[in-house]
Amino acid sequence: MPADPELLRAARRELSLPLCAIGGITPANAPPLLEAGADLLAVIQGLFGQPNVREAAARFQALFR
């Protein structure tokens, strides 16, 4: 199941440990996950499945600035 902002919000209310979103993460759907409480993003296809890994990594890195 892809990462879900509502699940992250519920986890953030209940847990005081770092939360990692995993599953179908892209630069387009990552911002709502971070806003919902994700501290980390676990990304494989969204990074290594892209034609230019360096550019893909830069797009993800920019989300944490």
PDB file of N, CA and C in Angstrom:
ATOM      1  N   MET A   1       0.855  -1.175   0.000  1.00  0.00           N
ATOM      2  CA  MET A   1       0.000   0.000   0.000  1.00  0.00           C
ATOM      3  C   MET A   1       0.897   1.234   0.000  1.00  0.00           C
ATOM      4  N   PRO A   2       0.631   2.208  -0.861  1.00  0.00           N
ATOM      5  CA  PRO A   2       1.414   3.438  -0.879  1.00  0.00           C
ATOM      6  C   PRO A   2       1.296   4.205   0.443  1.00  0.00           C
ATOM      7  N   ALA A   3       2.325   5.000   0.707  1.00  0.00           N
ATOM      8  CA  ALA A   3       2.317   5.847   1.900  1.00  0.00           C
ATOM      9  C   ALA A   3       1.073   6.735   1.873  1.00  0.00           C
ATOM     10  N   ASP A   4       0.490   6.952   3.036  1.00  0.00           N
ATOM     11  CA  ASP A   4      -0.769   7.684   3.136  1.00  0.00           C
ATOM     12  C   ASP A   4      -0.651   8.784   4.185  1.00  0.00           C
ATOM     13  N   PRO A   5      -0.936  10.033   3.829  1.00  0.00           N
ATOM     14  CA  PRO A   5      -0.822  11.120   4.802  1.00  0.00           C
ATOM     15  C   PRO A   5      -1.672  10.917   6.057  1.00  0.00           C
ATOM     16  N   GLU A   6      -2.879  10.380   5.906  1.00  0.00           N
ATOM     17  CA  GLU A   6      -3.737  10.196   7.083  1.00  0.00           C
ATOM     18  C   GLU A   6      -3.126   9.188   8.064  1.00  0.00           C
ATOM     19  N   LEU A   7      -2.547   8.138   7.545  1.00  0.00           N
ATOM     20  CA  LEU A   7      -1.879   7.158   8.400  1.00  0.00           C
ATOM     21  C   LEU A   7      -0.700   7.792   9.136  1.00  0.00           C
ATOM     22  N   LEU A   8       0.042   8.628   8.440  1.00  0.00           N
ATOM     23  CA  LEU A   8       1.168   9.318   9.080  1.00  0.00           C
ATOM     24  C   LEU A   8       0.687  10.278  10.165  1.00  0.00           C
ATOM     25  N   ARG A   9      -0.403  10.990   9.903  1.00  0.00           N
ATOM     26  CA  ARG A   9      -0.942  11.897  10.933  1.00  0.00           C
ATOM     27  C   ARG A   9      -1.352  11.124  12.186  1.00  0.00           C
ATOM     28  N   ALA A  10      -2.002   9.986  11.982  1.00  0.00           N
ATOM     29  CA  ALA A  10      -2.417   9.163  13.120  1.00  0.00           C
ATOM     30  C   ALA A  10      -1.199   8.641  13.871  1.00  0.00           C
ATOM     31  N   ALA A  11      -0.199   8.202  13.142  1.00  0.00           N
ATOM     32  CA  ALA A  11       1.024   7.708  13.793  1.00  0.00           C
ATOM     33  C   ALA A  11       1.718   8.833  14.547  1.00  0.00           C
ATOM     34  N   ARG A  12       1.761  10.018  13.970  1.00  0.00           N
ATOM     35  CA  ARG A  12       2.418  11.164  14.629  1.00  0.00           C
ATOM     36  C   ARG A  12       1.717  11.511  15.934  1.00  0.00           C
ATOM     37  N   ARG A  13       0.382  11.387  15.964  1.00  0.00           N
ATOM     38  CA  ARG A  13      -0.351  11.683  17.207  1.00  0.00           C
ATOM     39  C   ARG A  13      -0.024  10.667  18.300  1.00  0.00           C
ATOM     40  N   GLU A  14       0.240   9.435  17.920  1.00  0.00           N
ATOM     41  CA  GLU A  14       0.432   8.347  18.886  1.00  0.00           C
ATOM     42  C   GLU A  14       1.887   8.061  19.228  1.00  0.00           C
ATOM     43  N   LEU A  15       2.803   8.390  18.343  1.00  0.00           N
ATOM     44  CA  LEU A  15       4.199   7.980  18.509  1.00  0.00           C
ATOM     45  C   LEU A  15       5.131   9.173  18.617  1.00  0.00           C
ATOM     46  N   SER A  16       6.177   9.022  19.381  1.00  0.00           N
ATOM     47  CA  SER A  16       7.163  10.097  19.517  1.00  0.00           C
ATOM     48  C   SER A  16       8.498   9.711  18.889  1.00  0.00           C
ATOM     49  N   LEU A  17       8.493   8.699  18.041  1.00  0.00           N
ATOM     50  CA  LEU A  17       9.720   8.289  17.375  1.00  0.00           C
ATOM     51  C   LEU A  17       9.706   8.734  15.921  1.00  0.00           C
ATOM     52  N   PRO A  18      10.867   8.744  15.250  1.00  0.00           N
ATOM     53  CA  PRO A  18      10.887   9.170  13.852  1.00  0.00           C
ATOM     54  C   PRO A  18      10.004   8.278  12.980  1.00  0.00           C
ATOM     55  N   LEU A  19       9.305   8.892  12.041  1.00  0.00           N
ATOM     56  CA  LEU A  19       8.425   8.159  11.131  1.00  0.00           C
ATOM     57  C   LEU A  19       9.013   8.171   9.725  1.00  0.00           C
ATOM     58  N   CYS A  20       8.976   7.023   9.083  1.00  0.00           N
ATOM     59  CA  CYS A  20       9.479   6.875   7.724  1.00  0.00           C
ATOM     60  C   CYS A  20       8.331   6.475   6.804  1.00  0.00           C
ATOM     61  N   ALA A  21       8.130   7.256   5.747  1.00  0.00           N
ATOM     62  CA  ALA A  21       7.131   6.918   4.740  1.00  0.00           C
ATOM     63  C   ALA A  21       7.794   6.044   3.682  1.00  0.00           C
ATOM     64  N   ILE A  22       7.109   4.985   3.276  1.00  0.00           N
ATOM     65  CA  ILE A  22       7.641   4.079   2.270  1.00  0.00           C
ATOM     66  C   ILE A  22       6.494   3.605   1.384  1.00  0.00           C
ATOM     67  N   GLY A  23       6.779   3.469   0.117  1.00  0.00           N
ATOM     68  CA  GLY A  23       5.782   2.925  -0.799  1.00  0.00           C
ATOM     69  C   GLY A  23       5.303   3.926  -1.822  1.00  0.00           C
ATOM     70  N   GLY A  24       5.837   3.885  -3.007  1.00  0.00           N
ATOM     71  CA  GLY A  24       5.364   4.740  -4.085  1.00  0.00           C
ATOM     72  C   GLY A  24       5.722   6.204  -3.940  1.00  0.00           C
ATOM     73  N   ILE A  25       6.807   6.502  -3.240  1.00  0.00           N
ATOM     74  CA  ILE A  25       7.188   7.897  -2.995  1.00  0.00           C
ATOM     75  C   ILE A  25       7.778   8.511  -4.266  1.00  0.00           C
ATOM     76  N   THR A  26       7.277   9.689  -4.615  1.00  0.00           N
ATOM     77  CA  THR A  26       7.796  10.473  -5.729  1.00  0.00           C
ATOM     78  C   THR A  26       7.981  11.917  -5.247  1.00  0.00           C
ATOM     79  N   PRO A  27       8.732  12.724  -5.984  1.00  0.00           N
ATOM     80  CA  PRO A  27       8.828  14.136  -5.591  1.00  0.00           C
ATOM     81  C   PRO A  27       7.460  14.827  -5.589  1.00  0.00           C
ATOM     82  N   ALA A  28       6.534  14.346  -6.402  1.00  0.00           N
ATOM     83  CA  ALA A  28       5.209  14.967  -6.473  1.00  0.00           C
ATOM     84  C   ALA A  28       4.335  14.639  -5.275  1.00  0.00           C
ATOM     85  N   ASN A  29       4.414  13.401  -4.753  1.00  0.00           N
ATOM     86  CA  ASN A  29       3.543  13.048  -3.630  1.00  0.00           C
ATOM     87  C   ASN A  29       4.244  13.111  -2.276  1.00  0.00           C
ATOM     88  N   ALA A  30       5.515  13.446  -2.260  1.00  0.00           N
ATOM     89  CA  ALA A  30       6.259  13.507  -1.000  1.00  0.00           C
ATOM     90  C   ALA A  30       5.893  14.694  -0.098  1.00  0.00           C
ATOM     91  N   PRO A  31       5.682  15.900  -0.619  1.00  0.00           N
ATOM     92  CA  PRO A  31       5.390  17.023   0.279  1.00  0.00           C
ATOM     93  C   PRO A  31       4.237  16.781   1.250  1.00  0.00           C
ATOM     94  N   PRO A  32       3.089  16.232   0.822  1.00  0.00           N
ATOM     95  CA  PRO A  32       2.021  15.986   1.793  1.00  0.00           C
ATOM     96  C   PRO A  32       2.425  14.957   2.855  1.00  0.00           C
ATOM     97  N   LEU A  33       3.291  14.031   2.499  1.00  0.00           N
ATOM     98  CA  LEU A  33       3.744  13.034   3.476  1.00  0.00           C
ATOM     99  C   LEU A  33       4.623  13.692   4.530  1.00  0.00           C
ATOM    100  N   LEU A  34       5.497  14.584   4.090  1.00  0.00           N
ATOM    101  CA  LEU A  34       6.350  15.306   5.040  1.00  0.00           C
ATOM    102  C   LEU A  34       5.504  16.229   5.920  1.00  0.00           C
ATOM    103  N   GLU A  35       4.529  16.891   5.320  1.00  0.00           N
ATOM    104  CA  GLU A  35       3.643  17.774   6.087  1.00  0.00           C
ATOM    105  C   GLU A  35       2.810  16.990   7.090  1.00  0.00           C
ATOM    106  N   ALA A  36       2.518  15.737   6.779  1.00  0.00           N
ATOM    107  CA  ALA A  36       1.704  14.899   7.665  1.00  0.00           C
ATOM    108  C   ALA A  36       2.520  14.311   8.814  1.00  0.00           C
ATOM    109  N   GLY A  37       3.843  14.481   8.784  1.00  0.00           N
ATOM    110  CA  GLY A  37       4.643  14.019   9.910  1.00  0.00           C
ATOM    111  C   GLY A  37       5.782  13.081   9.593  1.00  0.00           C
ATOM    112  N   ALA A  38       5.973  12.712   8.337  1.00  0.00           N
ATOM    113  CA  ALA A  38       7.103  11.838   7.995  1.00  0.00           C
ATOM    114  C   ALA A  38       8.411  12.580   8.241  1.00  0.00           C
ATOM    115  N   ASP A  39       9.333  11.918   8.905  1.00  0.00           N
ATOM    116  CA  ASP A  39      10.671  12.470   9.126  1.00  0.00           C
ATOM    117  C   ASP A  39      11.632  12.001   8.041  1.00  0.00           C
ATOM    118  N   LEU A  40      11.329  10.851   7.469  1.00  0.00           N
ATOM    119  CA  LEU A  40      12.187  10.208   6.476  1.00  0.00           C
ATOM    120  C   LEU A  40      11.338   9.700   5.324  1.00  0.00           C
ATOM    121  N   LEU A  41      11.957   9.601   4.153  1.00  0.00           N
ATOM    122  CA  LEU A  41      11.308   9.001   2.996  1.00  0.00           C
ATOM    123  C   LEU A  41      12.172   7.843   2.517  1.00  0.00           C
ATOM    124  N   ALA A  42      11.595   6.679   2.383  1.00  0.00           N
ATOM    125  CA  ALA A  42      12.303   5.522   1.833  1.00  0.00           C
ATOM    126  C   ALA A  42      11.944   5.438   0.359  1.00  0.00           C
ATOM    127  N   VAL A  43      12.923   5.702  -0.489  1.00  0.00           N
ATOM    128  CA  VAL A  43      12.674   5.806  -1.928  1.00  0.00           C
ATOM    129  C   VAL A  43      13.607   4.863  -2.673  1.00  0.00           C
ATOM    130  N   ILE A  44      13.043   4.049  -3.549  1.00  0.00           N
ATOM    131  CA  ILE A  44      13.864   3.189  -4.406  1.00  0.00           C
ATOM    132  C   ILE A  44      13.549   3.517  -5.864  1.00  0.00           C
ATOM    133  N   GLN A  45      12.354   3.156  -6.324  1.00  0.00           N
ATOM    134  CA  GLN A  45      11.974   3.384  -7.728  1.00  0.00           C
ATOM    135  C   GLN A  45      11.989   4.868  -8.079  1.00  0.00           C
ATOM    136  N   GLY A  46      11.552   5.694  -7.159  1.00  0.00           N
ATOM    137  CA  GLY A  46      11.511   7.135  -7.403  1.00  0.00           C
ATOM    138  C   GLY A  46      12.883   7.744  -7.556  1.00  0.00           C
ATOM    139  N   LEU A  47      13.917   7.017  -7.189  1.00  0.00           N
ATOM    140  CA  LEU A  47      15.295   7.494  -7.324  1.00  0.00           C
ATOM    141  C   LEU A  47      16.054   6.639  -8.336  1.00  0.00           C
ATOM    142  N   PHE A  48      16.225   5.366  -8.027  1.00  0.00           N
ATOM    143  CA  PHE A  48      17.055   4.502  -8.865  1.00  0.00           C
ATOM    144  C   PHE A  48      16.361   4.033 -10.138  1.00  0.00           C
ATOM    145  N   GLY A  49      15.061   4.213 -10.227  1.00  0.00           N
ATOM    146  CA  GLY A  49      14.335   3.847 -11.434  1.00  0.00           C
ATOM    147  C   GLY A  49      14.207   5.001 -12.417  1.00  0.00           C
ATOM    148  N   GLN A  50      14.887   6.098 -12.123  1.00  0.00           N
ATOM    149  CA  GLN A  50      14.787   7.282 -12.978  1.00  0.00           C
ATOM    150  C   GLN A  50      15.960   7.338 -13.955  1.00  0.00           C
ATOM    151  N   PRO A  51      15.759   7.968 -15.118  1.00  0.00           N
ATOM    152  CA  PRO A  51      16.823   8.040 -16.111  1.00  0.00           C
ATOM    153  C   PRO A  51      18.075   8.756 -15.596  1.00  0.00           C
ATOM    154  N   ASN A  52      17.880   9.783 -14.775  1.00  0.00           N
ATOM    155  CA  ASN A  52      19.013  10.527 -14.231  1.00  0.00           C
ATOM    156  C   ASN A  52      18.898  10.510 -12.707  1.00  0.00           C
ATOM    157  N   VAL A  53      19.647   9.621 -12.086  1.00  0.00           N
ATOM    158  CA  VAL A  53      19.577   9.447 -10.630  1.00  0.00           C
ATOM    159  C   VAL A  53      20.005  10.715  -9.905  1.00  0.00           C
ATOM    160  N   ARG A  54      21.016  11.372 -10.413  1.00  0.00           N
ATOM    161  CA  ARG A  54      21.510  12.599  -9.761  1.00  0.00           C
ATOM    162  C   ARG A  54      20.420  13.671  -9.720  1.00  0.00           C
ATOM    163  N   GLU A  55      19.727  13.869 -10.823  1.00  0.00           N
ATOM    164  CA  GLU A  55      18.635  14.855 -10.856  1.00  0.00           C
ATOM    165  C   GLU A  55      17.485  14.441  -9.956  1.00  0.00           C
ATOM    166  N   ALA A  56      17.167  13.166  -9.957  1.00  0.00           N
ATOM    167  CA  ALA A  56      16.093  12.673  -9.091  1.00  0.00           C
ATOM    168  C   ALA A  56      16.455  12.898  -7.625  1.00  0.00           C
ATOM    169  N   ALA A  57      17.699  12.619  -7.262  1.00  0.00           N
ATOM    170  CA  ALA A  57      18.151  12.826  -5.879  1.00  0.00           C
ATOM    171  C   ALA A  57      18.065  14.302  -5.497  1.00  0.00           C
ATOM    172  N   ALA A  58      18.417  15.175  -6.419  1.00  0.00           N
ATOM    173  CA  ALA A  58      18.342  16.612  -6.143  1.00  0.00           C
ATOM    174  C   ALA A  58      16.900  17.049  -5.886  1.00  0.00           C
ATOM    175  N   ARG A  59      15.941  16.479  -6.624  1.00  0.00           N
ATOM    176  CA  ARG A  59      14.531  16.836  -6.404  1.00  0.00           C
ATOM    177  C   ARG A  59      14.079  16.400  -4.995  1.00  0.00           C
ATOM    178  N   PHE A  60      14.498  15.216  -4.565  1.00  0.00           N
ATOM    179  CA  PHE A  60      14.142  14.769  -3.219  1.00  0.00           C
ATOM    180  C   PHE A  60      14.852  15.609  -2.162  1.00  0.00           C
ATOM    181  N   GLN A  61      16.115  15.889  -2.384  1.00  0.00           N
ATOM    182  CA  GLN A  61      16.872  16.673  -1.405  1.00  0.00           C
ATOM    183  C   GLN A  61      16.239  18.040  -1.188  1.00  0.00           C
ATOM    184  N   ALA A  62      15.746  18.647  -2.255  1.00  0.00           N
ATOM    185  CA  ALA A  62      15.133  19.969  -2.148  1.00  0.00           C
ATOM    186  C   ALA A  62      13.914  19.957  -1.237  1.00  0.00           C
ATOM    187  N   LEU A  63      13.258  18.827  -1.088  1.00  0.00           N
ATOM    188  CA  LEU A  63      12.077  18.737  -0.220  1.00  0.00           C
ATOM    189  C   LEU A  63      12.428  18.917   1.251  1.00  0.00           C
ATOM    190  N   PHE A  64      13.683  18.722   1.604  1.00  0.00           N
ATOM    191  CA  PHE A  64      14.099  18.808   2.999  1.00  0.00           C
ATOM    192  C   PHE A  64      14.754  20.148   3.336  1.00  0.00           C
ATOM    193  N   ARG A  65      14.720  21.065   2.426  1.00  0.00           N
ATOM    194  CA  ARG A  65      15.298  22.406   2.698  1.00  0.00           C
ATOM    195  C   ARG A  65      14.269  23.337   3.220  1.00  0.00           C
TER     196      ARG A  65
END
